[in-house]
Amino acid sequence: MTDETMTQKIRAQLDAAPVVLFMKGTPDFPQCGFSAQTAGALRALKANYRHVNIFEEPELREALKAYSSWPTYPQLYVKGELIGGCDIVTEMYRSGELKTPAAGSRRGQLTRPLRSLRRGLQQRVRRLGVGRGR
């Protein structure tokens, strides 16, 4: 497949659900510890999300790295925007930044405003020193 075809496929997967987790394996049978931790955090939140097993399509696995400029898996997206990988997602879960809906809203959807999630991601990237030659 061409790069353009793969980009269209990635966008279609991101458009298919508000929350998408690209992971190694499946939530019920994760094939790496990081994917297991991320899926576990989402399960603990009772979040409704779609998962994509990157092992099923090697071309997709490589194309997504270029698409996101994020070299590792899992990758969690909310409303088409990259939130981050295992470290960021689990830290946001533990701190309460990644949370389930307030009473009266639809159960199981991540409702944290995207702006706040993005801000949290940016702060964590700065703390980790990404982009500083580390």
N, C-alpha and C. Protein backbone atom coordinates (compact mmCIF):
# COMPACT_ATOMS: atom_id res chain seq x y z
N MET A 1 0.84 -1.19 0.00
CA MET A 1 0.00 0.00 0.00
C MET A 1 0.88 1.24 0.00
N THR A 2 0.36 2.30 -0.59
CA THR A 2 1.10 3.56 -0.62
C THR A 2 0.97 4.28 0.71
N ASP A 3 1.86 5.24 0.93
CA ASP A 3 1.78 6.04 2.16
C ASP A 3 0.43 6.74 2.28
N GLU A 4 -0.06 7.25 1.15
CA GLU A 4 -1.35 7.95 1.16
C GLU A 4 -2.49 7.00 1.52
N THR A 5 -2.44 5.79 0.99
CA THR A 5 -3.47 4.79 1.29
C THR A 5 -3.44 4.44 2.77
N MET A 6 -2.24 4.27 3.31
CA MET A 6 -2.13 3.93 4.74
C MET A 6 -2.60 5.09 5.62
N THR A 7 -2.29 6.32 5.23
CA THR A 7 -2.76 7.48 5.99
C THR A 7 -4.28 7.54 5.98
N GLN A 8 -4.89 7.27 4.85
CA GLN A 8 -6.35 7.24 4.76
C GLN A 8 -6.92 6.14 5.65
N LYS A 9 -6.26 5.01 5.67
CA LYS A 9 -6.73 3.89 6.51
C LYS A 9 -6.64 4.26 7.99
N ILE A 10 -5.54 4.90 8.39
CA ILE A 10 -5.39 5.34 9.78
C ILE A 10 -6.47 6.34 10.15
N ARG A 11 -6.70 7.31 9.28
CA ARG A 11 -7.75 8.31 9.56
C ARG A 11 -9.12 7.66 9.66
N ALA A 12 -9.38 6.68 8.80
CA ALA A 12 -10.68 5.99 8.86
C ALA A 12 -10.83 5.26 10.20
N GLN A 13 -9.76 4.65 10.69
CA GLN A 13 -9.83 3.96 11.98
C GLN A 13 -10.05 4.96 13.12
N LEU A 14 -9.39 6.11 13.03
CA LEU A 14 -9.56 7.13 14.06
C LEU A 14 -10.96 7.75 14.02
N ASP A 15 -11.55 7.82 12.84
CA ASP A 15 -12.90 8.36 12.70
C ASP A 15 -13.97 7.37 13.12
N ALA A 16 -13.60 6.09 13.22
CA ALA A 16 -14.59 5.04 13.51
C ALA A 16 -15.04 5.03 14.96
N ALA A 17 -14.27 5.66 15.85
CA ALA A 17 -14.63 5.66 17.28
C ALA A 17 -13.97 6.87 17.94
N PRO A 18 -14.60 7.41 18.98
CA PRO A 18 -13.99 8.56 19.66
C PRO A 18 -12.69 8.21 20.38
N VAL A 19 -12.54 6.96 20.82
CA VAL A 19 -11.33 6.54 21.53
C VAL A 19 -10.80 5.28 20.82
N VAL A 20 -9.53 5.37 20.38
CA VAL A 20 -8.92 4.26 19.66
C VAL A 20 -7.56 3.97 20.28
N LEU A 21 -7.32 2.70 20.57
CA LEU A 21 -6.05 2.25 21.11
C LEU A 21 -5.37 1.34 20.08
N PHE A 22 -4.24 1.79 19.55
CA PHE A 22 -3.41 0.96 18.69
C PHE A 22 -2.47 0.22 19.63
N MET A 23 -2.52 -1.09 19.61
CA MET A 23 -1.80 -1.87 20.61
C MET A 23 -1.25 -3.15 20.01
N LYS A 24 -0.38 -3.79 20.76
CA LYS A 24 0.15 -5.09 20.39
C LYS A 24 -0.76 -6.14 21.01
N GLY A 25 -1.54 -6.81 20.16
CA GLY A 25 -2.49 -7.80 20.64
C GLY A 25 -3.87 -7.19 20.79
N THR A 26 -4.63 -7.76 21.71
CA THR A 26 -6.00 -7.30 21.97
C THR A 26 -6.14 -7.03 23.46
N PRO A 27 -7.19 -6.32 23.87
CA PRO A 27 -7.38 -6.09 25.31
C PRO A 27 -7.47 -7.39 26.12
N ASP A 28 -8.06 -8.41 25.54
CA ASP A 28 -8.18 -9.68 26.24
C ASP A 28 -6.92 -10.54 26.16
N PHE A 29 -6.09 -10.27 25.15
CA PHE A 29 -4.84 -11.02 24.97
C PHE A 29 -3.75 -10.07 24.50
N PRO A 30 -3.32 -9.15 25.38
CA PRO A 30 -2.26 -8.22 24.99
C PRO A 30 -0.95 -8.99 24.79
N GLN A 31 -0.16 -8.53 23.84
CA GLN A 31 1.08 -9.23 23.54
C GLN A 31 2.31 -8.44 23.96
N CYS A 32 2.13 -7.48 24.84
CA CYS A 32 3.26 -6.83 25.50
C CYS A 32 2.73 -6.19 26.79
N GLY A 33 3.62 -6.01 27.72
CA GLY A 33 3.23 -5.46 29.02
C GLY A 33 2.70 -4.05 28.95
N PHE A 34 3.26 -3.23 28.05
CA PHE A 34 2.81 -1.85 27.94
C PHE A 34 1.38 -1.78 27.41
N SER A 35 1.08 -2.62 26.41
CA SER A 35 -0.29 -2.68 25.90
C SER A 35 -1.24 -3.19 26.97
N ALA A 36 -0.79 -4.16 27.76
CA ALA A 36 -1.63 -4.69 28.85
C ALA A 36 -1.93 -3.61 29.88
N GLN A 37 -0.93 -2.81 30.25
CA GLN A 37 -1.14 -1.75 31.23
C GLN A 37 -2.11 -0.69 30.72
N THR A 38 -1.94 -0.31 29.46
CA THR A 38 -2.81 0.73 28.89
C THR A 38 -4.24 0.23 28.78
N ALA A 39 -4.41 -0.97 28.27
CA ALA A 39 -5.76 -1.54 28.18
C ALA A 39 -6.35 -1.71 29.57
N GLY A 40 -5.52 -2.06 30.55
CA GLY A 40 -5.99 -2.20 31.93
C GLY A 40 -6.51 -0.88 32.50
N ALA A 41 -5.80 0.21 32.20
CA ALA A 41 -6.26 1.53 32.67
C ALA A 41 -7.61 1.87 32.05
N LEU A 42 -7.75 1.61 30.76
CA LEU A 42 -9.04 1.89 30.09
C LEU A 42 -10.13 0.99 30.63
N ARG A 43 -9.80 -0.27 30.90
CA ARG A 43 -10.78 -1.20 31.46
C ARG A 43 -11.22 -0.73 32.85
N ALA A 44 -10.27 -0.26 33.66
CA ALA A 44 -10.60 0.22 35.01
C ALA A 44 -11.54 1.42 34.94
N LEU A 45 -11.43 2.21 33.87
CA LEU A 45 -12.31 3.37 33.70
C LEU A 45 -13.65 2.99 33.07
N LYS A 46 -13.75 1.73 32.66
CA LYS A 46 -14.93 1.25 31.94
C LYS A 46 -15.16 2.08 30.67
N ALA A 47 -14.06 2.44 30.04
CA ALA A 47 -14.11 3.26 28.83
C ALA A 47 -14.53 2.43 27.63
N ASN A 48 -15.36 3.01 26.80
CA ASN A 48 -15.70 2.41 25.51
C ASN A 48 -14.62 2.85 24.54
N TYR A 49 -13.95 1.88 23.94
CA TYR A 49 -12.91 2.23 22.98
C TYR A 49 -12.77 1.12 21.97
N ARG A 50 -12.19 1.49 20.87
CA ARG A 50 -11.90 0.54 19.81
C ARG A 50 -10.42 0.23 19.88
N HIS A 51 -10.05 -1.00 19.69
CA HIS A 51 -8.63 -1.35 19.65
C HIS A 51 -8.25 -1.81 18.25
N VAL A 52 -7.00 -1.61 17.91
CA VAL A 52 -6.45 -2.08 16.64
C VAL A 52 -5.18 -2.85 16.98
N ASN A 53 -5.14 -4.11 16.59
CA ASN A 53 -3.97 -4.96 16.82
C ASN A 53 -2.96 -4.68 15.71
N ILE A 54 -1.88 -3.99 16.05
CA ILE A 54 -0.90 -3.60 15.03
C ILE A 54 -0.13 -4.79 14.47
N PHE A 55 -0.16 -5.93 15.14
CA PHE A 55 0.52 -7.11 14.62
C PHE A 55 -0.21 -7.71 13.41
N GLU A 56 -1.48 -7.36 13.24
CA GLU A 56 -2.24 -7.90 12.13
C GLU A 56 -1.85 -7.27 10.80
N GLU A 57 -1.26 -6.06 10.85
CA GLU A 57 -0.86 -5.36 9.62
C GLU A 57 0.49 -4.67 9.82
N PRO A 58 1.57 -5.31 9.44
CA PRO A 58 2.89 -4.70 9.62
C PRO A 58 3.03 -3.33 8.92
N GLU A 59 2.39 -3.17 7.76
CA GLU A 59 2.45 -1.88 7.06
C GLU A 59 1.79 -0.78 7.90
N LEU A 60 0.68 -1.10 8.53
CA LEU A 60 -0.01 -0.14 9.38
C LEU A 60 0.87 0.24 10.57
N ARG A 61 1.52 -0.74 11.16
CA ARG A 61 2.38 -0.50 12.31
C ARG A 61 3.46 0.54 11.97
N GLU A 62 4.09 0.39 10.82
CA GLU A 62 5.13 1.34 10.42
C GLU A 62 4.55 2.68 10.00
N ALA A 63 3.44 2.67 9.30
CA ALA A 63 2.82 3.92 8.84
C ALA A 63 2.32 4.76 10.02
N LEU A 64 1.81 4.11 11.06
CA LEU A 64 1.29 4.85 12.21
C LEU A 64 2.42 5.58 12.95
N LYS A 65 3.60 4.98 13.00
CA LYS A 65 4.74 5.66 13.62
C LYS A 65 5.03 6.98 12.92
N ALA A 66 4.99 6.96 11.59
CA ALA A 66 5.23 8.19 10.82
C ALA A 66 4.07 9.16 10.98
N TYR A 67 2.86 8.64 10.95
CA TYR A 67 1.67 9.48 11.07
C TYR A 67 1.66 10.25 12.39
N SER A 68 2.01 9.57 13.46
CA SER A 68 1.90 10.15 14.80
C SER A 68 3.18 10.83 15.27
N SER A 69 4.29 10.53 14.61
CA SER A 69 5.60 10.96 15.09
C SER A 69 5.85 10.43 16.51
N TRP A 70 5.30 9.26 16.78
CA TRP A 70 5.46 8.60 18.08
C TRP A 70 5.98 7.20 17.78
N PRO A 71 7.19 6.86 18.22
CA PRO A 71 7.84 5.64 17.74
C PRO A 71 7.43 4.33 18.41
N THR A 72 6.64 4.39 19.47
CA THR A 72 6.36 3.18 20.23
C THR A 72 4.86 2.90 20.33
N TYR A 73 4.56 1.69 20.79
CA TYR A 73 3.18 1.26 21.02
C TYR A 73 3.05 0.80 22.46
N PRO A 74 1.85 0.96 22.99
CA PRO A 74 0.58 1.37 22.40
C PRO A 74 0.52 2.88 22.16
N GLN A 75 -0.49 3.28 21.37
CA GLN A 75 -0.79 4.68 21.14
C GLN A 75 -2.29 4.87 21.36
N LEU A 76 -2.64 5.79 22.25
CA LEU A 76 -4.04 6.08 22.55
C LEU A 76 -4.43 7.40 21.89
N TYR A 77 -5.55 7.36 21.17
CA TYR A 77 -6.11 8.55 20.51
C TYR A 77 -7.49 8.83 21.07
N VAL A 78 -7.77 10.09 21.31
CA VAL A 78 -9.11 10.54 21.69
C VAL A 78 -9.52 11.60 20.69
N LYS A 79 -10.66 11.36 20.05
CA LYS A 79 -11.19 12.28 19.02
C LYS A 79 -10.13 12.58 17.97
N GLY A 80 -9.40 11.54 17.57
CA GLY A 80 -8.42 11.66 16.50
C GLY A 80 -7.09 12.25 16.89
N GLU A 81 -6.93 12.63 18.14
CA GLU A 81 -5.69 13.25 18.61
C GLU A 81 -4.91 12.27 19.49
N LEU A 82 -3.60 12.20 19.24
CA LEU A 82 -2.75 11.33 20.04
C LEU A 82 -2.67 11.85 21.47
N ILE A 83 -2.96 10.97 22.42
CA ILE A 83 -2.80 11.30 23.84
C ILE A 83 -1.42 10.86 24.28
N GLY A 84 -1.00 9.66 23.91
CA GLY A 84 0.32 9.19 24.24
C GLY A 84 0.37 7.68 24.34
N GLY A 85 1.48 7.21 24.90
CA GLY A 85 1.70 5.79 25.08
C GLY A 85 1.43 5.37 26.50
N CYS A 86 1.95 4.22 26.85
CA CYS A 86 1.68 3.60 28.14
C CYS A 86 2.04 4.50 29.31
N ASP A 87 3.24 5.06 29.33
CA ASP A 87 3.67 5.87 30.46
C ASP A 87 2.74 7.06 30.70
N ILE A 88 2.40 7.74 29.62
CA ILE A 88 1.54 8.92 29.74
C ILE A 88 0.13 8.52 30.15
N VAL A 89 -0.42 7.51 29.51
CA VAL A 89 -1.78 7.09 29.82
C VAL A 89 -1.88 6.59 31.26
N THR A 90 -0.94 5.77 31.70
CA THR A 90 -1.03 5.25 33.07
C THR A 90 -0.80 6.37 34.09
N GLU A 91 0.08 7.30 33.80
CA GLU A 91 0.26 8.42 34.72
C GLU A 91 -1.00 9.28 34.79
N MET A 92 -1.62 9.52 33.64
CA MET A 92 -2.86 10.31 33.64
C MET A 92 -3.97 9.56 34.38
N TYR A 93 -4.00 8.24 34.23
CA TYR A 93 -4.98 7.44 34.95
C TYR A 93 -4.77 7.55 36.46
N ARG A 94 -3.53 7.37 36.89
CA ARG A 94 -3.21 7.42 38.33
C ARG A 94 -3.46 8.79 38.93
N SER A 95 -3.22 9.85 38.15
CA SER A 95 -3.40 11.21 38.68
C SER A 95 -4.85 11.67 38.61
N GLY A 96 -5.69 10.90 37.91
CA GLY A 96 -7.09 11.27 37.78
C GLY A 96 -7.38 12.15 36.56
N GLU A 97 -6.36 12.44 35.77
CA GLU A 97 -6.57 13.26 34.58
C GLU A 97 -7.35 12.53 33.50
N LEU A 98 -7.21 11.23 33.46
CA LEU A 98 -7.94 10.41 32.51
C LEU A 98 -9.07 9.80 33.30
N LYS A 99 -10.29 10.22 33.03
CA LYS A 99 -11.37 9.75 33.88
C LYS A 99 -12.63 9.41 33.13
N THR A 100 -13.51 8.75 33.84
CA THR A 100 -14.79 8.36 33.29
C THR A 100 -15.74 9.55 33.35
N PRO A 101 -16.87 9.44 32.70
CA PRO A 101 -17.80 10.56 32.65
C PRO A 101 -18.38 10.95 34.00
N ALA A 102 -18.78 12.20 34.07
CA ALA A 102 -19.50 12.68 35.25
C ALA A 102 -20.89 12.06 35.26
N ALA A 103 -21.52 12.09 36.41
CA ALA A 103 -22.87 11.53 36.53
C ALA A 103 -23.79 12.18 35.51
N GLY A 104 -24.59 11.36 34.88
CA GLY A 104 -25.57 11.87 33.93
C GLY A 104 -25.08 11.88 32.50
N SER A 105 -23.79 11.68 32.26
CA SER A 105 -23.32 11.63 30.89
C SER A 105 -23.28 10.18 30.45
N ARG A 106 -22.96 9.96 29.19
CA ARG A 106 -22.95 8.61 28.67
C ARG A 106 -21.84 7.79 29.30
N ARG A 107 -22.19 6.67 29.83
CA ARG A 107 -21.25 5.81 30.54
C ARG A 107 -20.16 5.29 29.61
N GLY A 108 -18.95 5.28 30.13
CA GLY A 108 -17.87 4.62 29.44
C GLY A 108 -17.15 5.44 28.39
N GLN A 109 -17.47 6.69 28.23
CA GLN A 109 -16.74 7.51 27.28
C GLN A 109 -15.77 8.40 28.03
N LEU A 110 -14.58 8.53 27.52
CA LEU A 110 -13.63 9.44 28.14
C LEU A 110 -14.10 10.85 27.87
N THR A 111 -14.33 11.62 28.91
CA THR A 111 -14.92 12.94 28.73
C THR A 111 -13.99 14.07 29.09
N ARG A 112 -12.79 13.76 29.50
CA ARG A 112 -11.83 14.82 29.81
C ARG A 112 -11.69 15.70 28.57
N PRO A 113 -11.79 17.00 28.70
CA PRO A 113 -11.67 17.84 27.52
C PRO A 113 -10.35 17.58 26.80
N LEU A 114 -10.42 17.51 25.49
CA LEU A 114 -9.26 17.22 24.68
C LEU A 114 -8.15 18.24 24.92
N ARG A 115 -8.50 19.48 25.11
CA ARG A 115 -7.51 20.53 25.36
C ARG A 115 -6.70 20.20 26.62
N SER A 116 -7.38 19.74 27.65
CA SER A 116 -6.71 19.39 28.90
C SER A 116 -5.82 18.16 28.72
N LEU A 117 -6.29 17.18 27.98
CA LEU A 117 -5.48 16.00 27.72
C LEU A 117 -4.23 16.38 26.95
N ARG A 118 -4.38 17.23 25.94
CA ARG A 118 -3.24 17.67 25.13
C ARG A 118 -2.23 18.41 26.00
N ARG A 119 -2.73 19.27 26.87
CA ARG A 119 -1.85 20.02 27.76
C ARG A 119 -1.07 19.06 28.66
N GLY A 120 -1.75 18.04 29.18
CA GLY A 120 -1.08 17.04 30.00
C GLY A 120 -0.02 16.29 29.22
N LEU A 121 -0.32 15.96 27.97
CA LEU A 121 0.65 15.28 27.11
C LEU A 121 1.87 16.17 26.90
N GLN A 122 1.65 17.42 26.59
CA GLN A 122 2.77 18.33 26.35
C GLN A 122 3.65 18.46 27.58
N GLN A 123 3.05 18.55 28.75
CA GLN A 123 3.83 18.65 29.98
C GLN A 123 4.67 17.40 30.20
N ARG A 124 4.10 16.23 29.94
CA ARG A 124 4.82 14.99 30.13
C ARG A 124 5.95 14.84 29.13
N VAL A 125 5.71 15.25 27.89
CA VAL A 125 6.76 15.19 26.87
C VAL A 125 7.93 16.07 27.29
N ARG A 126 7.65 17.27 27.79
CA ARG A 126 8.72 18.15 28.25
C ARG A 126 9.48 17.51 29.40
N ARG A 127 8.75 16.89 30.35
CA ARG A 127 9.40 16.25 31.48
C ARG A 127 10.29 15.08 31.05
N LEU A 128 9.84 14.35 30.04
CA LEU A 128 10.60 13.20 29.58
C LEU A 128 11.78 13.62 28.70
N GLY A 129 11.80 14.89 28.27
CA GLY A 129 12.92 15.38 27.46
C GLY A 129 12.84 14.96 26.01
N VAL A 130 11.67 14.59 25.53
CA VAL A 130 11.52 14.19 24.13
C VAL A 130 11.82 15.40 23.26
N GLY A 131 12.62 15.20 22.23
CA GLY A 131 12.96 16.28 21.33
C GLY A 131 14.18 17.06 21.78
N ARG A 132 14.82 16.64 22.85
CA ARG A 132 16.02 17.33 23.35
C ARG A 132 17.28 16.50 23.13
N GLY A 133 17.20 15.58 22.19
CA GLY A 133 18.37 14.78 21.89
C GLY A 133 18.67 13.67 22.87
N ARG A 134 17.70 13.28 23.68
CA ARG A 134 17.90 12.17 24.63
C ARG A 134 17.62 10.86 23.97
